[in-house]
Amino acid sequence: MNQSKIRRTAVVVAVAALLPVSLAACSDAGGDTKAAPPSAAGDQARTGTPSEEAMTGDRPFGPACAGVPKEGAGSFDGMAQDPVATAASNNPALSTLVTAVKTAGLVDTLNNAEGITVFAPTNDAFAKIPKADLDKVLADKATLTKVLTYHIVGRRLAPKQLENGSFETLQKGVITTRGSGEEYTVNDSSKVVCGNVETANAHVYIVDTVLMPE
């Protein structure tokens, strides 16, 4: 009888000794799960490092992008909703280009095109041309049309394709592109100052020099 009581006492003591250890283990496991669930770790990783989309260039880039309105029809989101000629008309930096497109009668042509790329000169790009020469071009619809259509490629071009490219334009001439990352030039002279801009029907690269066909 005494031996039986001794055995029961020993079992109780052993269980009592193990119980805190088991509870601590459960508590540690629960704490680990709560502190770093797989989804939370993934969210933290996505927040702390650039997304794959950003790293592959699926966003506008370049110094002139800072001047694009943050909201409204002239913002990147706004331009993405409109065809390219309409989208350009909402960007104050492209007002000279828009005037030239209207003068040449190309608004409907550009807005109705599908899957094109436009290298769009800024107002400053047009300002590099002597005023007398620019006025002469603007007054000659045939020449103006050739110049403008030289800025258009009949398919969408991603930044990666500009690294070492040669493309036929709607004017039937050829433009060449060079560069990498977020720095590209067209015809070795015109720099892309805000690239990878989406409109409803076109990819747009805003450039700092007007391209002239041969």
N, C-alpha and C. Protein backbone atom coordinates (compact mmCIF):
# COMPACT_ATOMS: atom_id res chain seq x y z
N MET A 1 0.84 -1.21 0.00
CA MET A 1 0.00 0.00 0.00
C MET A 1 0.86 1.24 0.00
N ASN A 2 1.87 1.24 0.81
CA ASN A 2 2.77 2.40 0.85
C ASN A 2 3.51 2.55 -0.45
N GLN A 3 3.91 1.39 -1.04
CA GLN A 3 4.62 1.45 -2.33
C GLN A 3 3.72 1.99 -3.42
N SER A 4 2.40 1.62 -3.38
CA SER A 4 1.45 2.11 -4.39
C SER A 4 1.30 3.62 -4.28
N LYS A 5 1.19 4.12 -3.07
CA LYS A 5 1.06 5.56 -2.86
C LYS A 5 2.31 6.28 -3.33
N ILE A 6 3.45 5.65 -3.08
CA ILE A 6 4.71 6.26 -3.52
C ILE A 6 4.74 6.39 -5.04
N ARG A 7 4.28 5.28 -5.75
CA ARG A 7 4.29 5.30 -7.22
C ARG A 7 3.36 6.38 -7.75
N ARG A 8 2.15 6.53 -7.14
CA ARG A 8 1.20 7.55 -7.60
C ARG A 8 1.77 8.95 -7.38
N THR A 9 2.43 9.12 -6.25
CA THR A 9 3.03 10.42 -5.94
C THR A 9 4.11 10.77 -6.97
N ALA A 10 4.89 9.76 -7.34
CA ALA A 10 5.97 9.97 -8.32
C ALA A 10 5.41 10.39 -9.67
N VAL A 11 4.28 9.73 -10.07
CA VAL A 11 3.66 10.06 -11.35
C VAL A 11 3.15 11.50 -11.35
N VAL A 12 2.49 11.87 -10.25
CA VAL A 12 1.96 13.23 -10.12
C VAL A 12 3.10 14.26 -10.21
N VAL A 13 4.19 13.98 -9.53
CA VAL A 13 5.34 14.89 -9.55
C VAL A 13 5.91 15.02 -10.95
N ALA A 14 6.00 13.87 -11.65
CA ALA A 14 6.55 13.88 -13.01
C ALA A 14 5.67 14.69 -13.94
N VAL A 15 4.35 14.47 -13.85
CA VAL A 15 3.42 15.23 -14.69
C VAL A 15 3.51 16.72 -14.38
N ALA A 16 3.56 17.05 -13.10
CA ALA A 16 3.65 18.45 -12.70
C ALA A 16 4.92 19.10 -13.23
N ALA A 17 6.00 18.30 -13.28
CA ALA A 17 7.27 18.85 -13.78
C ALA A 17 7.23 19.08 -15.28
N LEU A 18 6.56 18.18 -16.00
CA LEU A 18 6.51 18.29 -17.46
C LEU A 18 5.52 19.32 -17.95
N LEU A 19 4.47 19.58 -17.19
CA LEU A 19 3.40 20.48 -17.64
C LEU A 19 3.89 21.88 -17.99
N PRO A 20 4.69 22.54 -17.18
CA PRO A 20 5.17 23.90 -17.55
C PRO A 20 5.98 23.88 -18.84
N VAL A 21 6.78 22.79 -19.03
CA VAL A 21 7.60 22.70 -20.24
C VAL A 21 6.72 22.61 -21.47
N SER A 22 5.65 21.77 -21.37
CA SER A 22 4.74 21.61 -22.50
C SER A 22 4.02 22.91 -22.81
N LEU A 23 3.55 23.60 -21.76
CA LEU A 23 2.85 24.86 -21.96
C LEU A 23 3.78 25.91 -22.58
N ALA A 24 5.03 25.92 -22.14
CA ALA A 24 5.98 26.88 -22.68
C ALA A 24 6.23 26.62 -24.15
N ALA A 25 6.34 25.32 -24.50
CA ALA A 25 6.56 24.97 -25.91
C ALA A 25 5.39 25.40 -26.76
N CYS A 26 4.16 25.15 -26.26
CA CYS A 26 2.98 25.57 -27.02
C CYS A 26 2.94 27.08 -27.17
N SER A 27 3.32 27.77 -26.06
CA SER A 27 3.30 29.23 -26.09
C SER A 27 4.31 29.76 -27.10
N ASP A 28 5.52 29.14 -27.13
CA ASP A 28 6.55 29.58 -28.08
C ASP A 28 6.10 29.36 -29.51
N ALA A 29 5.49 28.21 -29.76
CA ALA A 29 5.04 27.90 -31.12
C ALA A 29 3.97 28.88 -31.56
N GLY A 30 3.03 29.16 -30.65
CA GLY A 30 1.97 30.11 -30.97
C GLY A 30 2.54 31.49 -31.21
N GLY A 31 3.56 31.86 -30.39
CA GLY A 31 4.16 33.18 -30.54
C GLY A 31 4.85 33.31 -31.88
N ASP A 32 5.55 32.26 -32.32
CA ASP A 32 6.24 32.32 -33.61
C ASP A 32 5.26 32.46 -34.74
N THR A 33 4.17 31.70 -34.66
CA THR A 33 3.18 31.73 -35.73
C THR A 33 2.55 33.11 -35.83
N LYS A 34 2.26 33.70 -34.68
CA LYS A 34 1.61 35.00 -34.67
C LYS A 34 2.57 36.09 -35.13
N ALA A 35 3.85 35.97 -34.76
CA ALA A 35 4.80 37.04 -35.07
C ALA A 35 5.16 37.06 -36.55
N ALA A 36 5.23 35.88 -37.19
CA ALA A 36 5.68 35.87 -38.58
C ALA A 36 4.95 34.84 -39.40
N PRO A 37 3.63 35.01 -39.61
CA PRO A 37 2.92 34.12 -40.49
C PRO A 37 3.46 34.28 -41.90
N PRO A 38 3.33 33.25 -42.75
CA PRO A 38 3.87 33.32 -44.10
C PRO A 38 3.40 34.54 -44.87
N SER A 39 2.10 34.88 -44.74
CA SER A 39 1.57 36.00 -45.52
C SER A 39 2.18 37.31 -45.05
N ALA A 40 2.37 37.45 -43.72
CA ALA A 40 2.95 38.69 -43.21
C ALA A 40 4.38 38.85 -43.68
N ALA A 41 5.12 37.74 -43.69
CA ALA A 41 6.50 37.80 -44.16
C ALA A 41 6.54 38.21 -45.62
N GLY A 42 5.61 37.68 -46.41
CA GLY A 42 5.55 38.03 -47.82
C GLY A 42 5.23 39.49 -48.01
N ASP A 43 4.28 40.01 -47.20
CA ASP A 43 3.93 41.43 -47.30
C ASP A 43 5.12 42.31 -46.97
N GLN A 44 5.87 41.91 -45.93
CA GLN A 44 7.03 42.69 -45.54
C GLN A 44 8.06 42.70 -46.65
N ALA A 45 8.25 41.53 -47.29
CA ALA A 45 9.22 41.45 -48.38
C ALA A 45 8.79 42.33 -49.54
N ARG A 46 7.48 42.34 -49.84
CA ARG A 46 7.00 43.14 -50.95
C ARG A 46 7.15 44.63 -50.66
N THR A 47 7.00 44.98 -49.36
CA THR A 47 7.10 46.39 -48.98
C THR A 47 8.54 46.86 -48.98
N GLY A 48 9.45 45.98 -48.55
CA GLY A 48 10.82 46.39 -48.38
C GLY A 48 11.64 46.38 -49.64
N THR A 49 11.22 45.70 -50.70
CA THR A 49 12.00 45.62 -51.92
C THR A 49 11.14 45.99 -53.11
N PRO A 50 11.75 46.47 -54.22
CA PRO A 50 10.97 46.82 -55.40
C PRO A 50 10.24 45.61 -55.95
N SER A 51 9.03 45.82 -56.41
CA SER A 51 8.27 44.73 -56.99
C SER A 51 8.89 44.34 -58.31
N GLU A 52 8.56 43.12 -58.77
CA GLU A 52 9.05 42.65 -60.06
C GLU A 52 8.56 43.57 -61.17
N GLU A 53 7.32 44.08 -61.03
CA GLU A 53 6.75 44.97 -62.04
C GLU A 53 7.58 46.24 -62.16
N ALA A 54 7.96 46.81 -61.01
CA ALA A 54 8.75 48.04 -61.04
C ALA A 54 10.12 47.79 -61.64
N MET A 55 10.71 46.64 -61.32
CA MET A 55 12.05 46.35 -61.79
C MET A 55 12.07 46.09 -63.29
N THR A 56 10.99 45.66 -63.86
CA THR A 56 10.96 45.39 -65.30
C THR A 56 10.55 46.63 -66.08
N GLY A 57 10.35 47.75 -65.43
CA GLY A 57 10.11 48.99 -66.14
C GLY A 57 8.67 49.25 -66.52
N ASP A 58 7.72 48.63 -65.87
CA ASP A 58 6.32 48.83 -66.20
C ASP A 58 5.76 50.06 -65.51
N ARG A 59 6.44 51.17 -65.64
CA ARG A 59 6.01 52.43 -65.03
C ARG A 59 6.72 53.56 -65.77
N PRO A 60 6.16 54.76 -65.74
CA PRO A 60 6.84 55.89 -66.38
C PRO A 60 8.16 56.20 -65.68
N PHE A 61 9.13 56.68 -66.44
CA PHE A 61 10.43 57.02 -65.86
C PHE A 61 11.02 58.21 -66.60
N GLY A 62 11.94 58.90 -65.92
CA GLY A 62 12.64 60.02 -66.53
C GLY A 62 12.40 61.31 -65.78
N PRO A 63 13.32 62.28 -65.88
CA PRO A 63 13.23 63.52 -65.09
C PRO A 63 11.99 64.35 -65.37
N ALA A 64 11.51 64.35 -66.61
CA ALA A 64 10.35 65.18 -66.95
C ALA A 64 9.04 64.60 -66.41
N CYS A 65 9.07 63.37 -65.97
CA CYS A 65 7.85 62.77 -65.41
C CYS A 65 7.39 63.50 -64.16
N ALA A 66 8.33 64.15 -63.48
CA ALA A 66 7.98 64.87 -62.25
C ALA A 66 7.03 66.03 -62.53
N GLY A 67 7.04 66.54 -63.75
CA GLY A 67 6.18 67.66 -64.09
C GLY A 67 4.79 67.27 -64.54
N VAL A 68 4.53 65.98 -64.63
CA VAL A 68 3.20 65.51 -65.03
C VAL A 68 2.24 65.68 -63.86
N PRO A 69 1.05 66.23 -64.09
CA PRO A 69 0.08 66.41 -63.00
C PRO A 69 -0.19 65.09 -62.26
N LYS A 70 -0.40 65.20 -60.98
CA LYS A 70 -0.65 64.01 -60.17
C LYS A 70 -2.08 63.50 -60.31
N GLU A 71 -3.00 64.40 -60.66
CA GLU A 71 -4.40 64.02 -60.77
C GLU A 71 -5.00 64.63 -62.03
N GLY A 72 -6.16 64.11 -62.41
CA GLY A 72 -6.89 64.69 -63.53
C GLY A 72 -6.53 64.07 -64.86
N ALA A 73 -7.07 64.64 -65.94
CA ALA A 73 -6.90 64.08 -67.27
C ALA A 73 -5.45 64.09 -67.73
N GLY A 74 -4.64 65.03 -67.22
CA GLY A 74 -3.25 65.11 -67.62
C GLY A 74 -2.30 64.24 -66.81
N SER A 75 -2.82 63.54 -65.80
CA SER A 75 -1.99 62.65 -65.00
C SER A 75 -1.74 61.35 -65.76
N PHE A 76 -0.84 60.53 -65.26
CA PHE A 76 -0.57 59.25 -65.92
C PHE A 76 -1.83 58.38 -65.98
N ASP A 77 -2.58 58.36 -64.88
CA ASP A 77 -3.82 57.57 -64.86
C ASP A 77 -4.84 58.15 -65.84
N GLY A 78 -4.90 59.48 -65.91
CA GLY A 78 -5.84 60.12 -66.82
C GLY A 78 -5.49 59.87 -68.27
N MET A 79 -4.20 59.99 -68.61
CA MET A 79 -3.77 59.76 -69.99
C MET A 79 -4.01 58.33 -70.43
N ALA A 80 -3.93 57.41 -69.49
CA ALA A 80 -4.14 56.00 -69.84
C ALA A 80 -5.58 55.72 -70.27
N GLN A 81 -6.50 56.63 -69.96
CA GLN A 81 -7.90 56.44 -70.31
C GLN A 81 -8.25 57.00 -71.68
N ASP A 82 -7.38 57.85 -72.25
CA ASP A 82 -7.68 58.55 -73.50
C ASP A 82 -6.78 58.09 -74.64
N PRO A 83 -7.25 58.18 -75.89
CA PRO A 83 -6.37 57.91 -77.02
C PRO A 83 -5.28 58.97 -77.09
N VAL A 84 -4.22 58.67 -77.82
CA VAL A 84 -2.98 59.42 -77.66
C VAL A 84 -3.08 60.91 -77.98
N ALA A 85 -3.76 61.32 -79.02
CA ALA A 85 -3.84 62.75 -79.33
C ALA A 85 -4.61 63.50 -78.25
N THR A 86 -5.67 62.90 -77.76
CA THR A 86 -6.44 63.51 -76.67
C THR A 86 -5.61 63.57 -75.40
N ALA A 87 -4.91 62.48 -75.09
CA ALA A 87 -4.06 62.44 -73.90
C ALA A 87 -2.99 63.51 -73.95
N ALA A 88 -2.37 63.70 -75.12
CA ALA A 88 -1.32 64.71 -75.27
C ALA A 88 -1.89 66.12 -75.06
N SER A 89 -3.12 66.33 -75.48
CA SER A 89 -3.73 67.66 -75.34
C SER A 89 -3.94 68.04 -73.88
N ASN A 90 -3.92 67.07 -73.00
CA ASN A 90 -4.10 67.33 -71.57
C ASN A 90 -2.77 67.52 -70.83
N ASN A 91 -1.66 67.43 -71.59
CA ASN A 91 -0.34 67.61 -70.99
C ASN A 91 0.23 68.96 -71.44
N PRO A 92 0.34 69.94 -70.56
CA PRO A 92 0.80 71.28 -70.94
C PRO A 92 2.16 71.28 -71.64
N ALA A 93 3.03 70.33 -71.33
CA ALA A 93 4.37 70.29 -71.91
C ALA A 93 4.36 69.87 -73.38
N LEU A 94 3.19 69.43 -73.88
CA LEU A 94 3.10 68.94 -75.26
C LEU A 94 2.19 69.82 -76.12
N SER A 95 1.96 71.05 -75.69
CA SER A 95 0.99 71.90 -76.39
C SER A 95 1.42 72.24 -77.82
N THR A 96 2.71 72.45 -78.05
CA THR A 96 3.18 72.74 -79.42
C THR A 96 2.97 71.53 -80.32
N LEU A 97 3.25 70.36 -79.80
CA LEU A 97 3.02 69.13 -80.57
C LEU A 97 1.55 68.99 -80.92
N VAL A 98 0.69 69.24 -79.96
CA VAL A 98 -0.75 69.12 -80.19
C VAL A 98 -1.19 70.10 -81.28
N THR A 99 -0.66 71.33 -81.25
CA THR A 99 -0.98 72.31 -82.29
C THR A 99 -0.54 71.79 -83.66
N ALA A 100 0.65 71.21 -83.72
CA ALA A 100 1.17 70.69 -84.99
C ALA A 100 0.31 69.53 -85.49
N VAL A 101 -0.11 68.66 -84.58
CA VAL A 101 -0.95 67.52 -84.97
C VAL A 101 -2.29 68.01 -85.52
N LYS A 102 -2.86 69.02 -84.89
CA LYS A 102 -4.13 69.58 -85.37
C LYS A 102 -3.94 70.24 -86.73
N THR A 103 -2.85 70.98 -86.90
CA THR A 103 -2.57 71.66 -88.16
C THR A 103 -2.42 70.66 -89.30
N ALA A 104 -1.79 69.52 -89.01
CA ALA A 104 -1.58 68.49 -90.02
C ALA A 104 -2.82 67.64 -90.25
N GLY A 105 -3.85 67.82 -89.42
CA GLY A 105 -5.06 67.03 -89.56
C GLY A 105 -4.89 65.57 -89.16
N LEU A 106 -4.04 65.33 -88.15
CA LEU A 106 -3.72 63.96 -87.76
C LEU A 106 -4.39 63.51 -86.45
N VAL A 107 -5.25 64.34 -85.90
CA VAL A 107 -5.87 64.00 -84.61
C VAL A 107 -6.63 62.68 -84.70
N ASP A 108 -7.53 62.56 -85.67
CA ASP A 108 -8.32 61.34 -85.80
C ASP A 108 -7.45 60.15 -86.16
N THR A 109 -6.44 60.37 -86.99
CA THR A 109 -5.53 59.29 -87.38
C THR A 109 -4.85 58.70 -86.15
N LEU A 110 -4.35 59.58 -85.29
CA LEU A 110 -3.66 59.11 -84.08
C LEU A 110 -4.62 58.49 -83.09
N ASN A 111 -5.76 59.11 -82.90
CA ASN A 111 -6.72 58.60 -81.92
C ASN A 111 -7.33 57.26 -82.33
N ASN A 112 -7.42 57.01 -83.63
CA ASN A 112 -8.04 55.77 -84.11
C ASN A 112 -7.03 54.66 -84.36
N ALA A 113 -5.75 54.97 -84.29
CA ALA A 113 -4.72 53.94 -84.48
C ALA A 113 -4.73 52.99 -83.29
N GLU A 114 -4.23 51.80 -83.52
CA GLU A 114 -4.19 50.81 -82.44
C GLU A 114 -2.77 50.28 -82.27
N GLY A 115 -2.33 50.25 -81.03
CA GLY A 115 -1.04 49.65 -80.72
C GLY A 115 0.15 50.35 -81.36
N ILE A 116 0.29 51.65 -81.17
CA ILE A 116 1.40 52.40 -81.76
C ILE A 116 2.32 52.92 -80.66
N THR A 117 3.48 53.40 -81.09
CA THR A 117 4.41 54.08 -80.18
C THR A 117 4.67 55.48 -80.72
N VAL A 118 4.57 56.47 -79.86
CA VAL A 118 4.78 57.86 -80.25
C VAL A 118 5.95 58.44 -79.48
N PHE A 119 6.92 58.99 -80.21
CA PHE A 119 8.01 59.74 -79.60
C PHE A 119 7.59 61.20 -79.66
N ALA A 120 7.18 61.73 -78.53
CA ALA A 120 6.50 63.03 -78.47
C ALA A 120 7.45 64.14 -78.03
N PRO A 121 7.79 65.08 -78.92
CA PRO A 121 8.67 66.19 -78.54
C PRO A 121 7.97 67.18 -77.61
N THR A 122 8.70 67.66 -76.64
CA THR A 122 8.17 68.66 -75.71
C THR A 122 8.15 70.04 -76.38
N ASN A 123 7.51 70.97 -75.71
CA ASN A 123 7.55 72.37 -76.18
C ASN A 123 8.99 72.86 -76.29
N ASP A 124 9.83 72.50 -75.34
CA ASP A 124 11.23 72.91 -75.37
C ASP A 124 11.96 72.31 -76.57
N ALA A 125 11.55 71.12 -76.97
CA ALA A 125 12.16 70.50 -78.15
C ALA A 125 11.87 71.32 -79.40
N PHE A 126 10.61 71.75 -79.54
CA PHE A 126 10.25 72.58 -80.69
C PHE A 126 10.94 73.95 -80.61
N ALA A 127 11.17 74.43 -79.39
CA ALA A 127 11.80 75.74 -79.21
C ALA A 127 13.26 75.74 -79.66
N LYS A 128 13.88 74.56 -79.77
CA LYS A 128 15.25 74.47 -80.26
C LYS A 128 15.35 74.80 -81.75
N ILE A 129 14.23 74.66 -82.47
CA ILE A 129 14.21 74.94 -83.89
C ILE A 129 14.07 76.45 -84.08
N PRO A 130 14.91 77.07 -84.91
CA PRO A 130 14.75 78.52 -85.16
C PRO A 130 13.32 78.83 -85.57
N LYS A 131 12.78 79.91 -85.04
CA LYS A 131 11.37 80.24 -85.23
C LYS A 131 10.98 80.32 -86.71
N ALA A 132 11.84 80.89 -87.52
CA ALA A 132 11.53 81.01 -88.95
C ALA A 132 11.39 79.63 -89.59
N ASP A 133 12.28 78.71 -89.20
CA ASP A 133 12.21 77.35 -89.75
C ASP A 133 10.97 76.62 -89.25
N LEU A 134 10.66 76.78 -87.96
CA LEU A 134 9.48 76.12 -87.39
C LEU A 134 8.20 76.65 -88.05
N ASP A 135 8.12 77.96 -88.20
CA ASP A 135 6.94 78.54 -88.85
C ASP A 135 6.78 78.02 -90.27
N LYS A 136 7.90 77.84 -90.95
CA LYS A 136 7.86 77.33 -92.33
C LYS A 136 7.31 75.90 -92.36
N VAL A 137 7.76 75.08 -91.43
CA VAL A 137 7.28 73.70 -91.37
C VAL A 137 5.79 73.67 -91.02
N LEU A 138 5.40 74.47 -90.04
CA LEU A 138 4.00 74.48 -89.62
C LEU A 138 3.07 74.97 -90.74
N ALA A 139 3.62 75.78 -91.65
CA ALA A 139 2.81 76.32 -92.75
C ALA A 139 2.74 75.37 -93.94
N ASP A 140 3.56 74.33 -93.93
CA ASP A 140 3.60 73.38 -95.05
C ASP A 140 3.04 72.04 -94.55
N LYS A 141 1.79 71.78 -94.85
CA LYS A 141 1.12 70.60 -94.30
C LYS A 141 1.80 69.30 -94.70
N ALA A 142 2.25 69.20 -95.92
CA ALA A 142 2.90 67.96 -96.38
C ALA A 142 4.18 67.70 -95.61
N THR A 143 5.02 68.74 -95.46
CA THR A 143 6.26 68.58 -94.71
C THR A 143 5.98 68.30 -93.25
N LEU A 144 5.01 69.01 -92.68
CA LEU A 144 4.64 68.81 -91.28
C LEU A 144 4.17 67.38 -91.04
N THR A 145 3.39 66.85 -91.96
CA THR A 145 2.90 65.48 -91.83
C THR A 145 4.06 64.48 -91.85
N LYS A 146 5.03 64.72 -92.72
CA LYS A 146 6.20 63.83 -92.78
C LYS A 146 6.97 63.86 -91.46
N VAL A 147 7.16 65.06 -90.93
CA VAL A 147 7.90 65.19 -89.67
C VAL A 147 7.17 64.49 -88.53
N LEU A 148 5.88 64.71 -88.43
CA LEU A 148 5.11 64.12 -87.32
C LEU A 148 5.02 62.61 -87.43
N THR A 149 4.76 62.10 -88.63
CA THR A 149 4.63 60.64 -88.78
C THR A 149 5.98 59.94 -88.63
N TYR A 150 7.07 60.69 -88.75
CA TYR A 150 8.40 60.13 -88.48
C TYR A 150 8.58 59.82 -87.00
N HIS A 151 7.75 60.41 -86.17
CA HIS A 151 7.82 60.18 -84.72
C HIS A 151 6.96 59.01 -84.26
N ILE A 152 6.35 58.28 -85.19
CA ILE A 152 5.39 57.24 -84.84
C ILE A 152 5.83 55.89 -85.41
N VAL A 153 5.83 54.89 -84.55
CA VAL A 153 6.12 53.51 -84.95
C VAL A 153 4.82 52.73 -84.84
N GLY A 154 4.56 51.86 -85.80
CA GLY A 154 3.27 51.19 -85.89
C GLY A 154 3.06 50.03 -84.95
N ARG A 155 3.78 49.98 -83.86
CA ARG A 155 3.56 48.94 -82.84
C ARG A 155 4.04 49.47 -81.49
N ARG A 156 3.58 48.83 -80.43
CA ARG A 156 4.00 49.25 -79.09
C ARG A 156 5.42 48.77 -78.82
N LEU A 157 6.24 49.67 -78.28
CA LEU A 157 7.62 49.33 -77.95
C LEU A 157 7.84 49.47 -76.45
N ALA A 158 8.26 48.38 -75.83
CA ALA A 158 8.61 48.41 -74.41
C ALA A 158 10.02 48.97 -74.25
N PRO A 159 10.36 49.51 -73.07
CA PRO A 159 11.70 50.06 -72.87
C PRO A 159 12.82 49.09 -73.25
N LYS A 160 12.66 47.82 -72.96
CA LYS A 160 13.70 46.83 -73.26
C LYS A 160 14.02 46.81 -74.76
N GLN A 161 13.00 47.06 -75.59
CA GLN A 161 13.21 47.03 -77.03
C GLN A 161 13.99 48.23 -77.54
N LEU A 162 14.11 49.27 -76.71
CA LEU A 162 14.83 50.47 -77.11
C LEU A 162 16.33 50.38 -76.85
N GLU A 163 16.78 49.31 -76.22
CA GLU A 163 18.18 49.22 -75.82
C GLU A 163 19.13 49.27 -77.03
N ASN A 164 18.74 48.65 -78.11
CA ASN A 164 19.54 48.67 -79.33
C ASN A 164 18.61 48.38 -80.49
N GLY A 165 17.75 49.37 -80.80
CA GLY A 165 16.66 49.12 -81.74
C GLY A 165 16.74 49.93 -83.02
N SER A 166 16.06 49.42 -84.02
CA SER A 166 15.91 50.11 -85.30
C SER A 166 14.49 49.85 -85.78
N PHE A 167 13.71 50.91 -85.99
CA PHE A 167 12.29 50.75 -86.25
C PHE A 167 11.82 51.61 -87.41
N GLU A 168 11.00 51.02 -88.25
CA GLU A 168 10.41 51.78 -89.34
C GLU A 168 9.26 52.61 -88.80
N THR A 169 9.17 53.86 -89.26
CA THR A 169 8.12 54.77 -88.80
C THR A 169 6.98 54.81 -89.80
N LEU A 170 5.91 55.46 -89.42
CA LEU A 170 4.78 55.60 -90.35
C LEU A 170 5.15 56.46 -91.56
N GLN A 171 6.19 57.26 -91.42
CA GLN A 171 6.67 58.08 -92.53
C GLN A 171 7.51 57.24 -93.51
N LYS A 172 7.78 55.99 -93.12
CA LYS A 172 8.58 55.02 -93.89
C LYS A 172 10.08 55.22 -93.71
N GLY A 173 10.45 56.18 -92.87
CA GLY A 173 11.85 56.31 -92.52
C GLY A 173 12.18 55.36 -91.36
N VAL A 174 13.42 55.41 -90.89
CA VAL A 174 13.86 54.54 -89.80
C VAL A 174 14.44 55.38 -88.68
N ILE A 175 14.08 55.04 -87.45
CA ILE A 175 14.71 55.65 -86.28
C ILE A 175 15.49 54.57 -85.54
N THR A 176 16.55 54.99 -84.87
CA THR A 176 17.34 54.06 -84.07
C THR A 176 17.29 54.50 -82.61
N THR A 177 17.34 53.54 -81.73
CA THR A 177 17.30 53.83 -80.29
C THR A 177 18.44 53.11 -79.59
N ARG A 178 18.94 53.75 -78.55
CA ARG A 178 20.04 53.18 -77.76
C ARG A 178 19.78 53.49 -76.29
N GLY A 179 20.37 52.66 -75.42
CA GLY A 179 20.29 52.96 -73.99
C GLY A 179 20.02 51.73 -73.15
N SER A 180 19.74 51.98 -71.88
CA SER A 180 19.41 50.91 -70.94
C SER A 180 18.82 51.53 -69.69
N GLY A 181 18.20 50.70 -68.88
CA GLY A 181 17.64 51.17 -67.61
C GLY A 181 16.57 52.22 -67.83
N GLU A 182 16.88 53.46 -67.46
CA GLU A 182 15.94 54.56 -67.64
C GLU A 182 16.54 55.69 -68.47
N GLU A 183 17.58 55.38 -69.23
CA GLU A 183 18.23 56.39 -70.07
C GLU A 183 18.30 55.89 -71.51
N TYR A 184 17.60 56.59 -72.40
CA TYR A 184 17.56 56.20 -73.80
C TYR A 184 17.68 57.42 -74.70
N THR A 185 18.27 57.22 -75.87
CA THR A 185 18.34 58.27 -76.88
C THR A 185 17.73 57.73 -78.18
N VAL A 186 17.22 58.66 -78.98
CA VAL A 186 16.66 58.33 -80.28
C VAL A 186 17.49 59.03 -81.34
N ASN A 187 17.94 58.28 -82.35
CA ASN A 187 18.81 58.83 -83.40
C ASN A 187 20.06 59.50 -82.82
N ASP A 188 20.52 58.99 -81.69
CA ASP A 188 21.75 59.46 -81.05
C ASP A 188 21.74 60.93 -80.67
N SER A 189 20.57 61.56 -80.68
CA SER A 189 20.54 62.99 -80.37
C SER A 189 19.40 63.39 -79.46
N SER A 190 18.28 62.76 -79.59
CA SER A 190 17.10 63.13 -78.80
C SER A 190 16.97 62.21 -77.59
N LYS A 191 16.93 62.80 -76.40
CA LYS A 191 16.86 62.01 -75.18
C LYS A 191 15.41 61.80 -74.74
N VAL A 192 15.14 60.59 -74.25
CA VAL A 192 13.83 60.32 -73.65
C VAL A 192 13.83 60.94 -72.26
N VAL A 193 12.94 61.90 -72.03
CA VAL A 193 12.90 62.59 -70.74
C VAL A 193 11.74 62.13 -69.86
N CYS A 194 10.79 61.45 -70.45
CA CYS A 194 9.72 60.80 -69.68
C CYS A 194 9.20 59.66 -70.53
N GLY A 195 9.59 58.46 -70.18
CA GLY A 195 9.27 57.31 -71.02
C GLY A 195 8.28 56.36 -70.43
N ASN A 196 7.79 55.46 -71.28
CA ASN A 196 6.90 54.39 -70.84
C ASN A 196 5.56 54.91 -70.34
N VAL A 197 5.05 55.94 -71.01
CA VAL A 197 3.76 56.53 -70.65
C VAL A 197 2.67 55.83 -71.47
N GLU A 198 1.65 55.35 -70.80
CA GLU A 198 0.56 54.63 -71.47
C GLU A 198 -0.60 55.55 -71.79
N THR A 199 -1.14 55.40 -73.00
CA THR A 199 -2.44 55.98 -73.31
C THR A 199 -3.33 54.82 -73.73
N ALA A 200 -4.58 55.11 -74.05
CA ALA A 200 -5.51 54.02 -74.36
C ALA A 200 -5.08 53.22 -75.58
N ASN A 201 -4.36 53.85 -76.51
CA ASN A 201 -4.01 53.12 -77.73
C ASN A 201 -2.54 53.23 -78.11
N ALA A 202 -1.72 53.78 -77.22
CA ALA A 202 -0.32 53.99 -77.60
C ALA A 202 0.62 53.96 -76.40
N HIS A 203 1.87 53.69 -76.72
CA HIS A 203 2.98 53.82 -75.78
C HIS A 203 3.66 55.14 -76.13
N VAL A 204 3.96 55.99 -75.17
CA VAL A 204 4.53 57.30 -75.46
C VAL A 204 5.88 57.46 -74.76
N TYR A 205 6.84 57.97 -75.53
CA TYR A 205 8.14 58.36 -74.98
C TYR A 205 8.32 59.84 -75.28
N ILE A 206 8.32 60.67 -74.26
CA ILE A 206 8.46 62.11 -74.43
C ILE A 206 9.95 62.42 -74.60
N VAL A 207 10.30 63.15 -75.68
CA VAL A 207 11.71 63.39 -76.02
C VAL A 207 12.03 64.88 -76.03
N ASP A 208 13.32 65.20 -75.92
CA ASP A 208 13.72 66.60 -75.78
C ASP A 208 14.18 67.25 -77.07
N THR A 209 14.11 66.53 -78.20
CA THR A 209 14.53 67.08 -79.48
C THR A 209 13.60 66.55 -80.58
N VAL A 210 13.21 67.42 -81.49
CA VAL A 210 12.36 67.00 -82.60
C VAL A 210 13.18 66.13 -83.56
N LEU A 211 12.61 65.00 -83.96
CA LEU A 211 13.27 64.09 -84.89
C LEU A 211 12.99 64.53 -86.32
N MET A 212 14.03 64.61 -87.12
CA MET A 212 13.86 65.05 -88.50
C MET A 212 14.17 63.92 -89.48
N PRO A 213 13.24 63.58 -90.35
CA PRO A 213 13.51 62.54 -91.34
C PRO A 213 14.51 63.04 -92.38
N GLU A 214 15.20 62.13 -93.02
CA GLU A 214 16.17 62.52 -94.05
C GLU A 214 15.44 63.04 -95.28
